[in-house]
PDB file of all heavy atoms in Angstrom:
ATOM      1  N   ARG A   1     106.612 109.645 122.559  1.00  0.00           N
ATOM      2  CA  ARG A   1     107.304 110.554 123.440  1.00  0.00           C
ATOM      3  C   ARG A   1     108.703 110.778 122.922  1.00  0.00           C
ATOM      4  O   ARG A   1     109.371 109.841 122.490  1.00  0.00           O
ATOM      5  CB  ARG A   1     107.361 109.977 124.897  1.00  0.00           C
ATOM      6  CG  ARG A   1     107.967 110.934 125.909  1.00  0.00           C
ATOM      7  CD  ARG A   1     107.629 110.456 127.298  1.00  0.00           C
ATOM      8  NE  ARG A   1     108.283 109.158 127.587  1.00  0.00           N
ATOM      9  CZ  ARG A   1     107.911 108.369 128.573  1.00  0.00           C
ATOM     10  NH1 ARG A   1     106.863 108.734 129.426  1.00  0.00           N
ATOM     11  NH2 ARG A   1     108.464 107.195 128.821  1.00  0.00           N
ATOM     12  N   PHE A   2     109.129 112.061 122.959  1.00  0.00           N
ATOM     13  CA  PHE A   2     110.422 112.447 122.376  1.00  0.00           C
ATOM     14  C   PHE A   2     111.337 112.952 123.437  1.00  0.00           C
ATOM     15  O   PHE A   2     110.961 113.607 124.381  1.00  0.00           O
ATOM     16  CB  PHE A   2     110.242 113.576 121.314  1.00  0.00           C
ATOM     17  CG  PHE A   2     109.306 113.247 120.177  1.00  0.00           C
ATOM     18  CD1 PHE A   2     108.052 113.842 120.138  1.00  0.00           C
ATOM     19  CD2 PHE A   2     109.665 112.364 119.174  1.00  0.00           C
ATOM     20  CE1 PHE A   2     107.218 113.546 119.107  1.00  0.00           C
ATOM     21  CE2 PHE A   2     108.810 112.086 118.141  1.00  0.00           C
ATOM     22  CZ  PHE A   2     107.569 112.648 118.132  1.00  0.00           C
ATOM     23  N   THR A   3     112.660 112.566 123.258  1.00  0.00           N
ATOM     24  CA  THR A   3     113.693 113.156 124.085  1.00  0.00           C
ATOM     25  C   THR A   3     114.617 113.883 123.163  1.00  0.00           C
ATOM     26  O   THR A   3     115.047 113.370 122.100  1.00  0.00           O
ATOM     27  CB  THR A   3     114.541 112.100 124.817  1.00  0.00           C
ATOM     28  OG1 THR A   3     113.660 111.318 125.647  1.00  0.00           O
ATOM     29  CG2 THR A   3     115.640 112.606 125.645  1.00  0.00           C
ATOM     30  N   PHE A   4     114.999 115.117 123.486  1.00  0.00           N
ATOM     31  CA  PHE A   4     115.803 115.999 122.635  1.00  0.00           C
ATOM     32  C   PHE A   4     117.201 116.098 123.151  1.00  0.00           C
ATOM     33  O   PHE A   4     117.534 115.712 124.264  1.00  0.00           O
ATOM     34  CB  PHE A   4     115.092 117.369 122.469  1.00  0.00           C
ATOM     35  CG  PHE A   4     113.775 117.261 121.821  1.00  0.00           C
ATOM     36  CD1 PHE A   4     112.588 117.150 122.584  1.00  0.00           C
ATOM     37  CD2 PHE A   4     113.663 117.313 120.438  1.00  0.00           C
ATOM     38  CE1 PHE A   4     111.391 117.046 121.963  1.00  0.00           C
ATOM     39  CE2 PHE A   4     112.372 117.287 119.823  1.00  0.00           C
ATOM     40  CZ  PHE A   4     111.271 117.159 120.622  1.00  0.00           C
ATOM     41  N   GLN A   5     118.105 116.663 122.293  1.00  0.00           N
ATOM     42  CA  GLN A   5     119.493 116.765 122.637  1.00  0.00           C
ATOM     43  C   GLN A   5     119.704 117.542 123.906  1.00  0.00           C
ATOM     44  O   GLN A   5     120.702 117.274 124.635  1.00  0.00           O
ATOM     45  CB  GLN A   5     120.247 117.387 121.448  1.00  0.00           C
ATOM     46  CG  GLN A   5     121.739 117.331 121.595  1.00  0.00           C
ATOM     47  CD  GLN A   5     122.448 117.768 120.286  1.00  0.00           C
ATOM     48  OE1 GLN A   5     121.770 118.090 119.364  1.00  0.00           O
ATOM     49  NE2 GLN A   5     123.724 117.728 120.303  1.00  0.00           N
ATOM     50  N   SER A   6     118.893 118.496 124.203  1.00  0.00           N
ATOM     51  CA  SER A   6     118.987 119.275 125.408  1.00  0.00           C
ATOM     52  C   SER A   6     118.683 118.467 126.673  1.00  0.00           C
ATOM     53  O   SER A   6     118.963 118.890 127.843  1.00  0.00           O
ATOM     54  CB  SER A   6     118.117 120.488 125.356  1.00  0.00           C
ATOM     55  OG  SER A   6     116.737 120.102 125.342  1.00  0.00           O
ATOM     56  N   GLY A   7     118.090 117.276 126.512  1.00  0.00           N
ATOM     57  CA  GLY A   7     117.668 116.461 127.666  1.00  0.00           C
ATOM     58  C   GLY A   7     116.207 116.584 127.931  1.00  0.00           C
ATOM     59  O   GLY A   7     115.656 115.890 128.773  1.00  0.00           O
ATOM     60  N   TYR A   8     115.536 117.545 127.264  1.00  0.00           N
ATOM     61  CA  TYR A   8     114.085 117.734 127.476  1.00  0.00           C
ATOM     62  C   TYR A   8     113.311 116.530 126.982  1.00  0.00           C
ATOM     63  O   TYR A   8     113.523 116.033 125.879  1.00  0.00           O
ATOM     64  CB  TYR A   8     113.611 119.000 126.790  1.00  0.00           C
ATOM     65  CG  TYR A   8     112.121 119.199 126.827  1.00  0.00           C
ATOM     66  CD1 TYR A   8     111.518 119.816 127.970  1.00  0.00           C
ATOM     67  CD2 TYR A   8     111.279 118.777 125.798  1.00  0.00           C
ATOM     68  CE1 TYR A   8     110.194 120.035 128.041  1.00  0.00           C
ATOM     69  CE2 TYR A   8     109.918 119.028 125.862  1.00  0.00           C
ATOM     70  CZ  TYR A   8     109.402 119.594 126.977  1.00  0.00           C
ATOM     71  OH  TYR A   8     108.021 119.827 127.066  1.00  0.00           O
ATOM     72  N   ILE A   9     112.352 116.113 127.804  1.00  0.00           N
ATOM     73  CA  ILE A   9     111.472 114.955 127.448  1.00  0.00           C
ATOM     74  C   ILE A   9     110.086 115.485 127.291  1.00  0.00           C
ATOM     75  O   ILE A   9     109.494 116.097 128.194  1.00  0.00           O
ATOM     76  CB  ILE A   9     111.488 113.871 128.498  1.00  0.00           C
ATOM     77  CG1 ILE A   9     112.944 113.348 128.648  1.00  0.00           C
ATOM     78  CG2 ILE A   9     110.578 112.733 128.135  1.00  0.00           C
ATOM     79  CD1 ILE A   9     113.135 112.341 129.780  1.00  0.00           C
ATOM     80  N   SER A  10     109.502 115.254 126.131  1.00  0.00           N
ATOM     81  CA  SER A  10     108.124 115.741 125.844  1.00  0.00           C
ATOM     82  C   SER A  10     107.085 114.886 126.592  1.00  0.00           C
ATOM     83  O   SER A  10     107.414 113.792 126.988  1.00  0.00           O
ATOM     84  CB  SER A  10     107.856 115.683 124.384  1.00  0.00           C
ATOM     85  OG  SER A  10     107.603 114.324 123.930  1.00  0.00           O
ATOM     86  N   PRO A  11     105.950 115.473 126.825  1.00  0.00           N
ATOM     87  CA  PRO A  11     104.834 114.587 127.325  1.00  0.00           C
ATOM     88  C   PRO A  11     104.365 113.567 126.291  1.00  0.00           C
ATOM     89  O   PRO A  11     104.809 113.686 125.135  1.00  0.00           O
ATOM     90  CB  PRO A  11     103.709 115.611 127.623  1.00  0.00           C
ATOM     91  CG  PRO A  11     103.978 116.760 126.711  1.00  0.00           C
ATOM     92  CD  PRO A  11     105.511 116.827 126.605  1.00  0.00           C
ATOM     93  N   ALA A  12     103.628 112.630 126.699  1.00  0.00           N
ATOM     94  CA  ALA A  12     103.110 111.598 125.755  1.00  0.00           C
ATOM     95  C   ALA A  12     102.109 112.289 124.824  1.00  0.00           C
ATOM     96  O   ALA A  12     101.209 112.975 125.243  1.00  0.00           O
ATOM     97  CB  ALA A  12     102.448 110.448 126.534  1.00  0.00           C
ATOM     98  N   ILE A  13     102.308 112.119 123.547  1.00  0.00           N
ATOM     99  CA  ILE A  13     101.523 112.721 122.506  1.00  0.00           C
ATOM    100  C   ILE A  13     100.752 111.659 121.736  1.00  0.00           C
ATOM    101  O   ILE A  13     101.383 110.626 121.345  1.00  0.00           O
ATOM    102  CB  ILE A  13     102.382 113.533 121.550  1.00  0.00           C
ATOM    103  CG1 ILE A  13     103.233 114.558 122.311  1.00  0.00           C
ATOM    104  CG2 ILE A  13     101.496 114.294 120.495  1.00  0.00           C
ATOM    105  CD1 ILE A  13     104.336 115.144 121.516  1.00  0.00           C
ATOM    106  N   PRO A  14      99.480 111.781 121.507  1.00  0.00           N
ATOM    107  CA  PRO A  14      98.843 110.758 120.671  1.00  0.00           C
ATOM    108  C   PRO A  14      99.549 110.648 119.318  1.00  0.00           C
ATOM    109  O   PRO A  14      99.747 111.629 118.618  1.00  0.00           O
ATOM    110  CB  PRO A  14      97.376 111.337 120.479  1.00  0.00           C
ATOM    111  CG  PRO A  14      97.197 112.167 121.692  1.00  0.00           C
ATOM    112  CD  PRO A  14      98.578 112.831 121.946  1.00  0.00           C
ATOM    113  N   TYR A  15      99.891 109.395 118.980  1.00  0.00           N
ATOM    114  CA  TYR A  15     100.599 109.186 117.738  1.00  0.00           C
ATOM    115  C   TYR A  15      99.815 109.648 116.521  1.00  0.00           C
ATOM    116  O   TYR A  15     100.375 110.080 115.516  1.00  0.00           O
ATOM    117  CB  TYR A  15     100.979 107.697 117.614  1.00  0.00           C
ATOM    118  CG  TYR A  15     101.788 107.359 116.372  1.00  0.00           C
ATOM    119  CD1 TYR A  15     103.061 107.831 116.192  1.00  0.00           C
ATOM    120  CD2 TYR A  15     101.221 106.497 115.387  1.00  0.00           C
ATOM    121  CE1 TYR A  15     103.796 107.503 115.077  1.00  0.00           C
ATOM    122  CE2 TYR A  15     101.902 106.240 114.243  1.00  0.00           C
ATOM    123  CZ  TYR A  15     103.197 106.690 114.092  1.00  0.00           C
ATOM    124  OH  TYR A  15     103.925 106.392 112.970  1.00  0.00           O
ATOM    125  N   ALA A  16      98.477 109.574 116.609  1.00  0.00           N
ATOM    126  CA  ALA A  16      97.637 110.006 115.508  1.00  0.00           C
ATOM    127  C   ALA A  16      97.722 111.486 115.300  1.00  0.00           C
ATOM    128  O   ALA A  16      97.257 111.950 114.201  1.00  0.00           O
ATOM    129  CB  ALA A  16      96.176 109.585 115.810  1.00  0.00           C
ATOM    130  N   ASP A  17      98.243 112.267 116.196  1.00  0.00           N
ATOM    131  CA  ASP A  17      98.387 113.708 116.054  1.00  0.00           C
ATOM    132  C   ASP A  17      99.704 114.129 115.583  1.00  0.00           C
ATOM    133  O   ASP A  17     100.048 115.330 115.503  1.00  0.00           O
ATOM    134  CB  ASP A  17      98.080 114.428 117.379  1.00  0.00           C
ATOM    135  CG  ASP A  17      96.593 114.371 117.740  1.00  0.00           C
ATOM    136  OD1 ASP A  17      95.808 113.974 116.872  1.00  0.00           O
ATOM    137  OD2 ASP A  17      96.256 114.663 118.868  1.00  0.00           O
ATOM    138  N   VAL A  18     100.604 113.193 115.300  1.00  0.00           N
ATOM    139  CA  VAL A  18     101.994 113.495 114.789  1.00  0.00           C
ATOM    140  C   VAL A  18     102.176 113.033 113.388  1.00  0.00           C
ATOM    141  O   VAL A  18     101.841 111.893 113.047  1.00  0.00           O
ATOM    142  CB  VAL A  18     103.023 112.846 115.723  1.00  0.00           C
ATOM    143  CG1 VAL A  18     104.434 113.113 115.174  1.00  0.00           C
ATOM    144  CG2 VAL A  18     102.908 113.365 117.156  1.00  0.00           C
ATOM    145  N   ILE A  19     102.642 113.927 112.508  1.00  0.00           N
ATOM    146  CA  ILE A  19     102.944 113.494 111.150  1.00  0.00           C
ATOM    147  C   ILE A  19     104.268 112.775 111.168  1.00  0.00           C
ATOM    148  O   ILE A  19     105.306 113.297 111.622  1.00  0.00           O
ATOM    149  CB  ILE A  19     103.018 114.753 110.218  1.00  0.00           C
ATOM    150  CG1 ILE A  19     101.659 115.403 110.164  1.00  0.00           C
ATOM    151  CG2 ILE A  19     103.526 114.371 108.813  1.00  0.00           C
ATOM    152  CD1 ILE A  19     101.683 116.749 109.411  1.00  0.00           C
ATOM    153  N   HIS A  20     104.307 111.557 110.640  1.00  0.00           N
ATOM    154  CA  HIS A  20     105.506 110.748 110.675  1.00  0.00           C
ATOM    155  C   HIS A  20     105.777 110.200 109.288  1.00  0.00           C
ATOM    156  O   HIS A  20     105.031 109.447 108.695  1.00  0.00           O
ATOM    157  CB  HIS A  20     105.276 109.524 111.647  1.00  0.00           C
ATOM    158  CG  HIS A  20     106.422 108.653 111.832  1.00  0.00           C
ATOM    159  ND1 HIS A  20     106.386 107.420 112.444  1.00  0.00           N
ATOM    160  CD2 HIS A  20     107.727 108.825 111.396  1.00  0.00           C
ATOM    161  CE1 HIS A  20     107.587 106.869 112.470  1.00  0.00           C
ATOM    162  NE2 HIS A  20     108.415 107.675 111.840  1.00  0.00           N
ATOM    163  N   LEU A  21     106.864 110.662 108.745  1.00  0.00           N
ATOM    164  CA  LEU A  21     107.341 110.212 107.423  1.00  0.00           C
ATOM    165  C   LEU A  21     108.475 109.227 107.606  1.00  0.00           C
ATOM    166  O   LEU A  21     109.385 109.400 108.494  1.00  0.00           O
ATOM    167  CB  LEU A  21     107.857 111.418 106.615  1.00  0.00           C
ATOM    168  CG  LEU A  21     106.807 112.440 106.161  1.00  0.00           C
ATOM    169  CD1 LEU A  21     107.437 113.718 105.916  1.00  0.00           C
ATOM    170  CD2 LEU A  21     106.017 111.953 104.993  1.00  0.00           C
ATOM    171  N   ARG A  22     108.484 108.172 106.850  1.00  0.00           N
ATOM    172  CA  ARG A  22     109.500 107.087 106.936  1.00  0.00           C
ATOM    173  C   ARG A  22     110.134 106.813 105.608  1.00  0.00           C
ATOM    174  O   ARG A  22     109.552 106.904 104.569  1.00  0.00           O
ATOM    175  CB  ARG A  22     108.851 105.787 107.491  1.00  0.00           C
ATOM    176  CG  ARG A  22     108.346 105.972 108.909  1.00  0.00           C
ATOM    177  CD  ARG A  22     107.474 104.747 109.335  1.00  0.00           C
ATOM    178  NE  ARG A  22     106.133 104.949 108.960  1.00  0.00           N
ATOM    179  CZ  ARG A  22     105.067 104.573 109.684  1.00  0.00           C
ATOM    180  NH1 ARG A  22     105.263 103.967 110.824  1.00  0.00           N
ATOM    181  NH2 ARG A  22     103.864 104.768 109.211  1.00  0.00           N
ATOM    182  N   LYS A  23     111.432 106.429 105.697  1.00  0.00           N
ATOM    183  CA  LYS A  23     112.201 106.056 104.536  1.00  0.00           C
ATOM    184  C   LYS A  23     112.663 104.612 104.739  1.00  0.00           C
ATOM    185  O   LYS A  23     113.136 104.285 105.800  1.00  0.00           O
ATOM    186  CB  LYS A  23     113.390 107.012 104.376  1.00  0.00           C
ATOM    187  CG  LYS A  23     114.280 106.675 103.179  1.00  0.00           C
ATOM    188  CD  LYS A  23     115.363 107.737 103.042  1.00  0.00           C
ATOM    189  CE  LYS A  23     116.357 107.345 101.924  1.00  0.00           C
ATOM    190  NZ  LYS A  23     115.723 107.264 100.567  1.00  0.00           N
ATOM    191  N   LYS A  24     112.519 103.832 103.652  1.00  0.00           N
ATOM    192  CA  LYS A  24     112.872 102.410 103.692  1.00  0.00           C
ATOM    193  C   LYS A  24     112.163 101.756 104.876  1.00  0.00           C
ATOM    194  O   LYS A  24     112.869 101.075 105.739  1.00  0.00           O
ATOM    195  CB  LYS A  24     114.364 102.213 103.727  1.00  0.00           C
ATOM    196  CG  LYS A  24     115.019 102.745 102.492  1.00  0.00           C
ATOM    197  CD  LYS A  24     116.532 102.359 102.373  1.00  0.00           C
ATOM    198  CE  LYS A  24     117.094 102.874 101.066  1.00  0.00           C
ATOM    199  NZ  LYS A  24     118.528 102.525 100.885  1.00  0.00           N
ATOM    200  N   PHE A  25     110.920 101.854 104.962  1.00  0.00           N
ATOM    201  CA  PHE A  25     110.081 101.263 105.997  1.00  0.00           C
ATOM    202  C   PHE A  25     109.923  99.755 105.729  1.00  0.00           C
ATOM    203  O   PHE A  25     109.189  99.362 104.884  1.00  0.00           O
ATOM    204  CB  PHE A  25     108.693 101.939 105.999  1.00  0.00           C
ATOM    205  CG  PHE A  25     107.772 101.538 107.142  1.00  0.00           C
ATOM    206  CD1 PHE A  25     108.278 101.191 108.384  1.00  0.00           C
ATOM    207  CD2 PHE A  25     106.426 101.550 106.965  1.00  0.00           C
ATOM    208  CE1 PHE A  25     107.413 100.795 109.380  1.00  0.00           C
ATOM    209  CE2 PHE A  25     105.557 101.204 107.940  1.00  0.00           C
ATOM    210  CZ  PHE A  25     106.047 100.772 109.149  1.00  0.00           C
ATOM    211  N   SER A  26     110.701  98.999 106.478  1.00  0.00           N
ATOM    212  CA  SER A  26     110.789  97.538 106.169  1.00  0.00           C
ATOM    213  C   SER A  26     110.614  96.640 107.388  1.00  0.00           C
ATOM    214  O   SER A  26     109.462  96.330 107.746  1.00  0.00           O
ATOM    215  CB  SER A  26     112.159  97.253 105.470  1.00  0.00           C
ATOM    216  OG  SER A  26     113.251  97.696 106.346  1.00  0.00           O
ATOM    217  N   SER A  27     111.644  96.308 108.078  1.00  0.00           N
ATOM    218  CA  SER A  27     111.592  95.279 109.074  1.00  0.00           C
ATOM    219  C   SER A  27     111.035  95.759 110.419  1.00  0.00           C
ATOM    220  O   SER A  27     110.593  94.927 111.227  1.00  0.00           O
ATOM    221  CB  SER A  27     112.983  94.671 109.298  1.00  0.00           C
ATOM    222  OG  SER A  27     113.904  95.635 109.546  1.00  0.00           O
ATOM    223  N   ASN A  28     111.094  97.075 110.671  1.00  0.00           N
ATOM    224  CA  ASN A  28     110.574  97.553 112.009  1.00  0.00           C
ATOM    225  C   ASN A  28     109.103  97.885 111.846  1.00  0.00           C
ATOM    226  O   ASN A  28     108.636  98.247 110.775  1.00  0.00           O
ATOM    227  CB  ASN A  28     111.361  98.811 112.376  1.00  0.00           C
ATOM    228  CG  ASN A  28     111.063  99.204 113.840  1.00  0.00           C
ATOM    229  OD1 ASN A  28     110.063  99.829 114.146  1.00  0.00           O
ATOM    230  ND2 ASN A  28     111.938  98.800 114.733  1.00  0.00           N
ATOM    231  N   ASP A  29     108.333  97.683 112.911  1.00  0.00           N
ATOM    232  CA  ASP A  29     106.852  97.874 112.843  1.00  0.00           C
ATOM    233  C   ASP A  29     106.457  99.306 112.705  1.00  0.00           C
ATOM    234  O   ASP A  29     105.388  99.566 112.145  1.00  0.00           O
ATOM    235  CB  ASP A  29     106.195  97.288 114.097  1.00  0.00           C
ATOM    236  CG  ASP A  29     106.238  95.723 114.125  1.00  0.00           C
ATOM    237  OD1 ASP A  29     106.471  95.166 113.034  1.00  0.00           O
ATOM    238  OD2 ASP A  29     106.030  95.118 115.183  1.00  0.00           O
TER     239      ASP A  29
END
């Protein structure tokens, strides 16, 4: 679920449906 600068909160989205790129993916799960 995302919260944006405007204060808008998105509905819960299946994580499998979101492209997620990470940099220095280390100590956090």
